[in-house]
Amino acid sequence: MAAFSIFNVAGSAMAAQSQRINAVASNMANADSVAGPDGKPYQARQVVFEYAPLARQANASLATANLAGGGLATQMASRSAGLGGVRVSSVELSDAPARQEYRPDHPLADEQGYVTFSNVDPVAEMVDMIDTRMAYEANVAVMETGMDMWDALMSALDPKDRDERWG
């Protein structure tokens, strides 16, 4: 496993969570909208994640294991080949029904006096926002721990073997 894989995995998760929080913010901003530019009510956006293998790292691990003669090295490389992060596969429109309120005086009310609002559920969006924030913070902690471990490794090396960053 490459030394910096932890940063790639946590970084991919942070990028994905960043897109998720943008979708939540857009949903919250349009929670009470009646009509968008197309004249239809806003539909909530939902970010869908998928596994993103670290292909370059996996291929390098397998090539190194094959050069080492296979055996245990190949088994370990095969396991680390499954190492990966996350990416946004799509941003989908929610299929939840739009909210309707009886407001006969509203200029966009239908014949029965109902106004159709967006299908955004503000409570669910707040839960998503909290979940996204916590996931982002967890990945920041992973990055910080990785840097602490790297610093400890650099401190353990002889001065001639250190990178100039760790003096």
Foldseek 3Di string as FASTA:
>chain_A
DDLCLLVQQLVQLLVALVVQLVLLVVLVVQQFPQQDPVGHADFRKGWDKDWDFPQVQLVVQCVVCVVVPHDPSNVVSVVCSSDTHMHTPDIDTDPAAWDKDQAQVDPQADPRRIGTHYRRDNVVSVVSNVVSVVSNVVSVVSVVVSVVVVLVVQVPDDPVPHDPVND
